[in-house]
Protein backbone atom coordinates (compact mmCIF):
# COMPACT_ATOMS: atom_id res chain seq x y z
CA SER A 1 -7.98 -11.31 16.46
CA PRO A 2 -9.38 -8.52 18.68
CA VAL A 3 -7.69 -5.86 16.53
CA LEU A 4 -8.95 -7.12 13.14
CA PRO A 5 -12.08 -4.89 13.09
CA ASP A 6 -9.91 -1.86 13.89
CA LEU A 7 -7.46 -2.81 11.12
CA LEU A 8 -10.31 -3.13 8.61
CA ASP A 9 -11.58 0.31 9.70
CA GLN A 10 -8.24 1.80 8.63
CA ILE A 11 -8.97 0.85 5.02
CA PRO A 12 -10.96 3.62 3.31
CA PRO A 13 -14.68 2.75 2.99
CA ASP A 14 -14.66 3.30 -0.78
CA GLU A 15 -11.89 0.71 -1.23
CA GLN A 16 -13.21 -2.78 -1.89
CA ILE A 17 -11.96 -5.75 0.16
CA GLY A 18 -11.83 -9.09 -1.65
CA THR A 19 -10.65 -11.64 0.88
CA VAL A 20 -9.25 -11.55 4.39
CA THR A 21 -7.00 -14.46 5.25
CA GLY A 22 -6.05 -15.46 8.77
CA ASP A 23 -5.26 -18.49 10.88
CA GLY A 24 -7.56 -20.27 13.34
CA ALA A 25 -7.18 -17.51 15.93
CA PHE A 26 -9.40 -15.32 13.73
CA ASP A 27 -12.25 -17.87 13.83
CA THR A 28 -14.46 -15.65 16.01
CA ARG A 29 -17.89 -14.12 15.53
CA ARG A 30 -16.44 -10.63 15.79
CA CYS A 31 -13.87 -11.20 13.04
CA HIS A 32 -16.29 -12.92 10.66
CA ALA A 33 -18.88 -10.16 11.21
CA ALA A 34 -16.32 -7.40 10.60
CA ILE A 35 -15.15 -9.00 7.37
CA LEU A 36 -18.68 -9.47 6.02
CA GLU A 37 -19.63 -5.96 7.11
CA ARG A 38 -16.92 -4.61 4.77
CA GLY A 39 -18.06 -6.87 1.93
CA GLY A 40 -15.09 -9.22 2.10
CA THR A 41 -14.82 -12.99 2.15
CA ALA A 42 -13.19 -14.68 5.13
CA VAL A 43 -10.58 -17.32 4.31
CA ILE A 44 -10.13 -18.59 7.84
CA PRO A 45 -9.81 -22.29 8.69
CA ILE A 46 -12.16 -23.60 11.32
CA ARG A 47 -10.47 -24.62 14.54
CA LYS A 48 -9.96 -28.37 14.94
CA ASN A 49 -12.58 -28.52 17.70
CA GLY A 50 -14.88 -26.05 15.91
CA ARG A 51 -18.63 -26.61 16.11
CA ARG A 52 -21.53 -25.15 14.16
CA TRP A 53 -22.70 -21.70 15.17
CA LYS A 54 -26.36 -20.82 15.60
CA GLU A 55 -27.27 -19.20 12.27
CA ASP A 56 -28.54 -15.91 13.63
CA CYS A 57 -26.42 -13.70 11.38
CA PRO A 58 -24.82 -13.80 7.89
CA ALA A 59 -21.36 -14.28 9.41
CA ALA A 60 -22.49 -17.49 11.13
CA ARG A 61 -23.97 -18.81 7.87
CA ALA A 62 -20.74 -18.18 5.95
CA ARG A 63 -18.65 -19.78 8.69
CA ASN A 64 -20.94 -22.82 8.84
CA ASP A 65 -20.57 -23.22 5.06
CA THR A 66 -16.81 -23.38 5.55
CA LEU A 67 -17.26 -25.90 8.36
CA ARG A 68 -19.49 -28.12 6.19
CA THR A 69 -17.02 -27.94 3.30
CA THR A 70 -14.12 -28.83 5.60
CA GLN A 71 -16.00 -31.75 7.11
CA ARG A 72 -17.07 -33.10 3.72
CA PHE A 73 -13.86 -32.70 1.70
CA GLY A 74 -11.15 -32.29 4.36
CA ARG A 75 -8.96 -29.41 5.46
CA ALA A 76 -6.28 -29.94 2.80
CA ILE A 77 -8.73 -29.73 -0.09
CA TRP A 78 -10.47 -26.71 1.45
CA LYS A 79 -7.12 -24.93 1.83
CA ARG A 80 -6.21 -25.62 -1.81
CA TRP A 81 -9.67 -24.65 -3.06
CA SER A 82 -9.87 -21.42 -1.04
CA GLY A 83 -6.32 -20.23 -1.77
CA TYR A 84 -5.34 -20.36 1.90
CA HIS A 85 -1.76 -21.43 1.04
CA VAL A 86 -0.99 -17.93 -0.29
CA ARG A 87 -0.80 -16.95 3.38
CA SER A 88 2.39 -19.00 3.84
CA ARG A 89 4.11 -16.97 1.11
CA ILE A 90 3.20 -13.75 2.87
CA GLU A 91 4.49 -15.06 6.19
CA ALA A 92 7.77 -16.08 4.49
CA ARG A 93 8.16 -12.51 3.19
CA MET A 94 7.51 -11.10 6.66
CA ARG A 95 10.18 -13.42 8.05
CA CYS A 96 12.63 -12.05 5.48
CA LEU A 97 11.70 -8.52 6.49
CA LYS A 98 12.27 -9.35 10.17
CA SER A 99 15.69 -10.83 9.38
CA PHE A 100 16.91 -7.23 8.92
CA GLY A 101 16.14 -6.69 12.59
CA GLU A 102 13.14 -7.01 14.85
CA ARG A 103 13.15 -3.38 15.95
CA ILE A 104 12.92 -0.09 14.13
CA ALA A 105 15.72 2.21 15.25
CA SER A 106 14.05 5.56 14.52
CA ARG A 107 11.53 7.26 16.77
CA ASP A 108 10.21 9.78 14.28
CA PRO A 109 7.25 8.35 12.26
CA ASP A 110 8.59 9.72 8.96
CA ARG A 111 12.00 8.14 9.57
CA GLN A 112 10.34 4.88 10.60
CA THR A 113 8.50 4.85 7.27
CA ALA A 114 11.74 5.53 5.41
CA GLU A 115 13.50 2.76 7.35
CA ILE A 116 10.79 0.24 6.40
CA HIS A 117 10.98 1.37 2.75
CA VAL A 118 14.75 0.82 2.74
CA ARG A 119 14.32 -2.68 4.21
CA ILE A 120 11.71 -3.57 1.60
CA ALA A 121 13.88 -2.18 -1.22
CA LEU A 122 16.79 -4.33 -0.01
CA MET A 123 14.57 -7.39 0.23
CA ASN A 124 13.22 -6.83 -3.30
CA ARG A 125 16.78 -6.40 -4.62
CA PHE A 126 17.94 -9.64 -2.97
CA ASN A 127 14.94 -11.46 -4.42
CA ALA A 128 15.64 -10.06 -7.87
CA LEU A 129 19.21 -11.34 -7.75
CA GLY A 130 18.06 -14.87 -6.90
CA THR A 131 15.15 -15.02 -9.36
CA ALA A 132 15.68 -17.03 -12.53
CA GLU A 133 15.17 -15.35 -15.89
CA ILE A 134 13.00 -17.40 -18.22
CA GLU A 135 13.25 -16.98 -21.97
CA ARG A 136 10.90 -18.42 -24.50
CA VAL A 137 12.75 -20.59 -27.02
CA ALA A 138 10.08 -21.70 -29.47
């Protein structure tokens, strides 16, 4: 979570950010403030022992709204309503990418980029082979 503001700064300022999804480790004032500062919406579950924050900034108000929603309807409904489950699909893709090897062999940044592109192309090809083709009958 400490690097999230730096990661958001790498996105060009003219590019709009819709939502930023993270796990409970990102439930910090710094992360919520950085997301709101860029005009995004935080989709971060409140920690199990999470308490209300003093509403001294917009980030605290948004986080307290999430806390109230979670307390009223439950975590499962909040996750379904907010689209939090999309995160598990992304993590599954990253696991597939890591199955090609944890380390990058090249030292040159251009070759590292090419190596990642090759891994992603292979992963997309494997997924295409296992994806069902659906045809409309009626």
